[in-house]
Protein backbone atom coordinates (compact mmCIF):
# COMPACT_ATOMS: atom_id res chain seq x y z
CA UNK A 1 -17.70 -14.59 -29.49
CA UNK A 2 -17.52 -11.37 -27.24
CA UNK A 3 -15.34 -10.51 -24.20
CA UNK A 4 -17.46 -9.87 -21.09
CA UNK A 5 -16.62 -6.75 -19.06
CA UNK A 6 -17.64 -6.60 -15.51
CA UNK A 7 -19.97 -3.70 -14.49
CA UNK A 8 -19.31 -1.76 -11.42
CA UNK A 9 -22.16 -3.45 -9.35
CA UNK A 10 -20.92 -7.08 -10.33
CA UNK A 11 -17.27 -6.32 -8.74
CA UNK A 12 -16.93 -8.34 -5.42
CA UNK A 13 -14.33 -7.19 -3.01
CA UNK A 14 -12.36 -9.18 -0.22
CA UNK A 15 -10.50 -8.08 2.70
CA UNK A 16 -6.84 -9.38 3.25
CA UNK A 17 -4.51 -8.98 6.12
CA UNK A 18 -0.54 -8.79 5.28
CA UNK A 19 1.98 -8.99 8.02
CA UNK A 20 5.05 -6.91 7.11
CA UNK A 21 7.36 -8.52 9.78
CA UNK A 22 10.74 -8.98 8.00
CA UNK A 23 9.66 -8.25 4.46
CA UNK A 24 11.72 -5.96 2.02
CA UNK A 25 9.79 -2.80 1.49
CA UNK A 26 9.90 -2.68 -2.24
CA UNK A 27 8.82 -6.25 -2.70
CA UNK A 28 6.18 -6.38 -0.29
CA UNK A 29 4.78 -2.94 -1.59
CA UNK A 30 4.67 -4.21 -5.12
CA UNK A 31 2.59 -7.18 -4.08
CA UNK A 32 0.09 -4.97 -2.03
CA UNK A 33 -0.26 -2.71 -4.84
CA UNK A 34 -1.23 -5.53 -7.20
CA UNK A 35 -3.97 -6.68 -4.88
CA UNK A 36 -5.23 -3.08 -4.44
CA UNK A 37 -5.43 -2.85 -8.30
CA UNK A 38 -7.24 -6.06 -8.83
CA UNK A 39 -4.42 -7.54 -11.10
CA UNK A 40 -4.72 -11.05 -9.35
CA UNK A 41 -8.57 -11.45 -10.53
CA UNK A 42 -9.08 -13.08 -13.96
CA UNK A 43 -11.58 -10.45 -15.07
CA UNK A 44 -9.24 -7.50 -14.44
CA UNK A 45 -9.87 -4.26 -16.19
CA UNK A 46 -7.29 -1.32 -16.05
CA UNK A 47 -9.92 1.43 -15.77
CA UNK A 48 -12.26 -0.17 -13.21
CA UNK A 49 -11.70 -0.40 -9.69
CA UNK A 50 -11.78 -4.01 -9.22
CA UNK A 51 -8.99 -4.28 -6.31
CA UNK A 52 -9.38 -5.70 -2.74
CA UNK A 53 -9.12 -4.20 0.68
CA UNK A 54 -5.67 -4.64 2.36
CA UNK A 55 -4.74 -4.36 6.09
CA UNK A 56 -1.22 -4.07 6.58
CA UNK A 57 0.21 -4.81 10.23
CA UNK A 58 3.55 -4.48 11.69
CA UNK A 59 4.71 -1.79 9.59
CA UNK A 60 7.46 -0.74 12.13
CA UNK A 61 8.98 -4.15 11.34
CA UNK A 62 9.46 -3.70 7.66
CA UNK A 63 13.23 -3.97 6.24
CA UNK A 64 15.20 -2.09 3.36
CA UNK A 65 17.98 -3.95 1.39
CA UNK A 66 21.33 -2.77 1.30
CA UNK A 67 22.45 0.26 3.54
CA UNK A 68 19.28 2.22 2.72
CA UNK A 69 18.46 2.20 6.22
CA UNK A 70 21.19 4.74 6.95
CA UNK A 71 21.01 6.41 3.68
CA UNK A 72 17.48 7.15 2.35
CA UNK A 73 15.86 10.36 2.75
CA UNK A 74 12.32 11.61 2.23
CA UNK A 75 11.91 15.00 0.62
CA UNK A 76 9.11 17.27 1.25
CA UNK A 77 8.47 21.10 0.00
CA UNK A 78 6.01 23.27 1.37
CA UNK A 79 5.97 25.41 -1.84
CA UNK A 80 7.54 28.41 -0.34
CA UNK A 81 10.94 29.45 -0.78
CA UNK A 82 13.11 27.80 1.68
CA UNK A 83 10.38 25.15 2.48
CA UNK A 84 12.27 22.03 1.62
CA UNK A 85 12.53 19.56 4.38
CA UNK A 86 14.49 16.22 4.32
CA UNK A 87 13.63 13.40 6.90
CA UNK A 88 15.75 10.34 7.19
CA UNK A 89 14.50 6.80 7.26
CA UNK A 90 15.37 6.23 10.78
CA UNK A 91 13.68 9.01 12.10
CA UNK A 92 10.51 8.34 10.25
CA UNK A 93 10.39 4.82 11.29
CA UNK A 94 10.55 6.09 14.92
CA UNK A 95 7.76 8.41 14.62
CA UNK A 96 5.36 7.45 11.51
CA UNK A 97 6.33 3.80 10.29
CA UNK A 98 3.08 3.43 8.47
CA UNK A 99 3.96 6.54 6.18
CA UNK A 100 6.84 4.38 4.77
CA UNK A 101 4.76 1.75 3.35
CA UNK A 102 1.81 4.03 2.55
CA UNK A 103 4.21 6.27 0.30
CA UNK A 104 5.71 3.25 -1.21
CA UNK A 105 2.36 1.59 -2.27
CA UNK A 106 1.22 4.88 -3.36
CA UNK A 107 4.21 5.30 -5.68
CA UNK A 108 3.25 2.01 -7.50
CA UNK A 109 -0.39 2.93 -8.35
CA UNK A 110 -1.70 5.09 -11.22
CA UNK A 111 -1.33 8.86 -10.72
CA UNK A 112 -5.12 9.48 -11.26
CA UNK A 113 -8.31 9.67 -9.76
CA UNK A 114 -8.53 5.84 -9.87
CA UNK A 115 -5.19 5.66 -7.92
CA UNK A 116 -6.57 8.06 -5.30
CA UNK A 117 -9.60 5.77 -4.87
CA UNK A 118 -7.36 2.67 -4.63
CA UNK A 119 -5.47 4.32 -1.98
CA UNK A 120 -8.46 4.26 0.28
CA UNK A 121 -8.61 0.59 0.37
CA UNK A 122 -5.36 0.49 1.95
CA UNK A 123 -5.07 0.30 6.05
CA UNK A 124 -1.60 0.50 7.61
CA UNK A 125 -0.97 0.10 11.09
CA UNK A 126 2.32 0.08 12.84
CA UNK A 127 1.44 -2.75 15.36
CA UNK A 128 -0.38 -5.88 15.45
CA UNK A 129 -3.80 -4.60 16.37
CA UNK A 130 -6.20 -2.99 13.96
CA UNK A 131 -9.99 -2.40 13.91
CA UNK A 132 -10.77 -4.46 11.06
CA UNK A 133 -11.36 -7.76 12.44
CA UNK A 134 -15.22 -7.56 11.73
CA UNK A 135 -14.38 -7.74 8.04
CA UNK A 136 -12.89 -11.04 8.62
CA UNK A 137 -9.72 -10.49 6.48
CA UNK A 138 -7.86 -13.56 4.82
CA UNK A 139 -4.45 -13.94 5.59
CA UNK A 140 -2.27 -12.65 2.46
CA UNK A 141 0.86 -14.66 1.67
CA UNK A 142 3.69 -12.58 0.68
């Protein structure tokens, strides 16, 4: 008996919609990362892009556990001397709340070309509206 591995043309992808309202950032992001990776499928192969598309709405209503909402800072460096900049969570939530969810999910995916390809399957929106209604996304219960 041989193990059957899927070929690239045999992989089917679904669209899911996940509502981030009131969810904890880390737990929500890990479940979204597993869907993007395709680990929920019985024929999962770690070297293939088997994952589905995920549309995250209401990213501006996601929660943090503990007192991280007041203490968490995001680090960025330009590469030049003195090019360090810190942005606190509350400021980033006011200006670009979708970057918080995107960065959290990105950290849970592989750090290679497969991970970069999987990130293109993630669509994050701050509000309720999204332009992917034509794909008929199924609700993702997280």
